[in-house]
């Protein structure tokens, strides 16, 4: 089975290093074959992804839990007990990681991309782009806006 070793990747890292690890994990997962990503999603991404995403986007765990359709208590419990995320939440994280990499490509900067993902966007109905990654349709809308920015259209 393919596994991303987040505990090893994050061991002893500061918040700034953890922010960089978000992009490293996104790149590692994106580099996998689709069948391998499906395998990881079905097995469940580590619950540590809640904190990793939250740190990178400067959003609290509760907000990330909501995007993953986890109650705050469930998100906190998963994070503390180390149980993997369920396949639905794992797929949402995977979707967000793919959108985040596109944002980074468009803005050519990790911090600018992360900030853009976390700030409400008028072109997305006032929603922060990361929050729309809870559905495939929402993620497509975010990609559409990113492509419009990339191609010089107003978004």
Protein backbone atom coordinates (compact mmCIF):
# COMPACT_ATOMS: atom_id res chain seq x y z
CA UNK A 1 0.00 0.00 0.00
CA UNK A 2 1.19 3.52 -0.82
CA UNK A 3 1.53 5.76 2.21
CA UNK A 4 2.58 9.34 2.75
CA UNK A 5 4.53 9.38 6.02
CA UNK A 6 3.26 12.66 7.47
CA UNK A 7 4.48 12.10 11.04
CA UNK A 8 8.03 11.59 9.74
CA UNK A 9 7.73 14.53 7.36
CA UNK A 10 6.50 16.85 10.11
CA UNK A 11 8.65 15.63 13.01
CA UNK A 12 10.03 18.56 14.99
CA UNK A 13 9.01 21.18 12.46
CA UNK A 14 8.06 24.74 13.22
CA UNK A 15 4.83 26.26 11.92
CA UNK A 16 6.67 27.80 8.94
CA UNK A 17 8.21 24.43 8.10
CA UNK A 18 4.80 22.80 8.49
CA UNK A 19 3.48 25.31 5.97
CA UNK A 20 6.16 24.17 3.53
CA UNK A 21 5.26 20.54 4.27
CA UNK A 22 1.71 21.20 3.08
CA UNK A 23 3.13 21.91 -0.36
CA UNK A 24 5.50 18.94 -0.16
CA UNK A 25 2.62 16.58 0.68
CA UNK A 26 0.50 18.11 -2.09
CA UNK A 27 3.31 17.52 -4.58
CA UNK A 28 3.89 13.95 -3.38
CA UNK A 29 0.22 13.04 -3.64
CA UNK A 30 -0.17 14.78 -7.00
CA UNK A 31 2.81 12.85 -8.39
CA UNK A 32 1.12 9.52 -7.69
CA UNK A 33 -0.79 7.58 -10.30
CA UNK A 34 -4.57 7.89 -10.06
CA UNK A 35 -4.86 4.28 -8.87
CA UNK A 36 -2.41 5.02 -6.04
CA UNK A 37 -4.30 8.17 -5.04
CA UNK A 38 -7.55 6.20 -5.00
CA UNK A 39 -5.89 3.61 -2.76
CA UNK A 40 -4.73 6.32 -0.34
CA UNK A 41 -8.15 7.98 -0.32
CA UNK A 42 -9.91 4.69 0.37
CA UNK A 43 -7.47 3.86 3.19
CA UNK A 44 -7.87 7.38 4.58
CA UNK A 45 -5.36 10.19 4.72
CA UNK A 46 -3.81 10.79 8.14
CA UNK A 47 -5.90 13.04 10.40
CA UNK A 48 -2.79 15.19 10.72
CA UNK A 49 -3.86 16.65 7.35
CA UNK A 50 -6.44 18.73 9.27
CA UNK A 51 -3.67 20.60 11.06
CA UNK A 52 -1.44 20.72 8.01
CA UNK A 53 -4.15 22.33 5.87
CA UNK A 54 -5.16 24.65 8.70
CA UNK A 55 -1.60 25.87 9.23
CA UNK A 56 -0.93 26.39 5.52
CA UNK A 57 -4.16 28.34 4.97
CA UNK A 58 -4.16 30.05 8.39
CA UNK A 59 -7.60 28.60 9.10
CA UNK A 60 -8.58 26.92 12.37
CA UNK A 61 -9.13 23.16 12.63
CA UNK A 62 -12.84 23.62 13.18
CA UNK A 63 -13.22 25.42 9.85
CA UNK A 64 -11.22 22.73 8.06
CA UNK A 65 -13.35 20.09 9.81
CA UNK A 66 -16.50 21.77 8.51
CA UNK A 67 -15.12 21.68 4.96
CA UNK A 68 -14.40 17.99 5.46
CA UNK A 69 -17.93 17.48 6.83
CA UNK A 70 -16.59 16.56 10.27
CA UNK A 71 -18.09 17.98 13.42
CA UNK A 72 -15.59 19.98 15.50
CA UNK A 73 -15.52 17.23 18.12
CA UNK A 74 -14.96 14.49 15.52
CA UNK A 75 -12.22 16.52 13.81
CA UNK A 76 -10.48 17.12 17.13
CA UNK A 77 -10.87 13.47 18.18
CA UNK A 78 -9.47 12.21 14.85
CA UNK A 79 -6.58 14.61 15.17
CA UNK A 80 -5.79 13.53 18.76
CA UNK A 81 -6.24 9.76 18.37
CA UNK A 82 -4.43 9.60 15.02
CA UNK A 83 -7.13 7.61 13.24
CA UNK A 84 -7.19 8.26 9.50
CA UNK A 85 -9.81 10.42 7.87
CA UNK A 86 -12.69 8.58 6.25
CA UNK A 87 -12.66 8.22 2.44
CA UNK A 88 -15.07 11.14 1.91
CA UNK A 89 -12.94 13.55 3.96
CA UNK A 90 -9.77 12.15 2.37
CA UNK A 91 -11.14 12.82 -1.10
CA UNK A 92 -11.98 16.39 -0.10
CA UNK A 93 -8.43 16.91 1.15
CA UNK A 94 -7.04 15.41 -2.06
CA UNK A 95 -9.25 17.75 -4.10
CA UNK A 96 -8.08 20.74 -2.07
CA UNK A 97 -4.42 19.75 -2.52
CA UNK A 98 -4.85 19.60 -6.30
CA UNK A 99 -6.56 23.02 -6.36
CA UNK A 100 -3.85 24.44 -4.06
CA UNK A 101 -1.14 23.31 -6.47
CA UNK A 102 -2.97 25.01 -9.34
CA UNK A 103 -3.23 28.20 -7.27
CA UNK A 104 0.49 28.04 -6.56
CA UNK A 105 1.21 27.62 -10.27
CA UNK A 106 -0.98 30.62 -11.11
CA UNK A 107 0.38 32.93 -8.40
CA UNK A 108 3.93 31.50 -8.48
CA UNK A 109 4.18 31.81 -4.68
CA UNK A 110 3.15 29.48 -1.84
CA UNK A 111 2.06 32.20 0.56
CA UNK A 112 0.06 34.18 -2.01
CA UNK A 113 -1.67 30.99 -3.18
CA UNK A 114 -2.51 29.96 0.40
CA UNK A 115 -3.84 33.42 1.20
CA UNK A 116 -5.95 33.47 -1.97
CA UNK A 117 -7.44 30.07 -1.08
CA UNK A 118 -8.48 31.30 2.39
CA UNK A 119 -9.98 34.72 1.55
CA UNK A 120 -13.63 35.07 0.45
CA UNK A 121 -13.83 35.65 -3.29
CA UNK A 122 -16.63 37.61 -4.99
CA UNK A 123 -16.29 35.50 -8.16
CA UNK A 124 -17.10 32.46 -6.00
CA UNK A 125 -20.20 33.90 -4.34
CA UNK A 126 -18.21 35.35 -1.45
CA UNK A 127 -16.89 31.93 -0.39
CA UNK A 128 -13.23 31.28 0.33
CA UNK A 129 -11.98 29.05 -2.50
CA UNK A 130 -10.80 26.25 -0.17
CA UNK A 131 -14.33 25.89 1.23
CA UNK A 132 -15.71 25.10 -2.22
CA UNK A 133 -13.39 22.11 -2.49
CA UNK A 134 -15.90 20.14 -0.43
CA UNK A 135 -17.57 19.25 -3.76
CA UNK A 136 -16.27 18.46 -7.21
CA UNK A 137 -18.49 21.16 -8.71
CA UNK A 138 -17.14 23.75 -6.27
CA UNK A 139 -13.55 22.76 -7.02
CA UNK A 140 -14.29 23.13 -10.76
CA UNK A 141 -15.55 26.66 -10.11
CA UNK A 142 -12.34 27.48 -8.21
CA UNK A 143 -10.26 26.08 -11.07
CA UNK A 144 -12.28 28.17 -13.55
CA UNK A 145 -11.50 31.35 -11.58
CA UNK A 146 -7.82 30.40 -11.31
CA UNK A 147 -7.64 29.82 -15.07
CA UNK A 148 -9.34 33.17 -15.67
CA UNK A 149 -6.69 34.84 -13.50
CA UNK A 150 -3.93 32.92 -15.28
CA UNK A 151 -5.22 33.92 -18.71
CA UNK A 152 -5.67 37.56 -17.74
CA UNK A 153 -9.46 37.64 -17.52
CA UNK A 154 -11.19 39.40 -14.67
CA UNK A 155 -12.06 37.01 -11.86
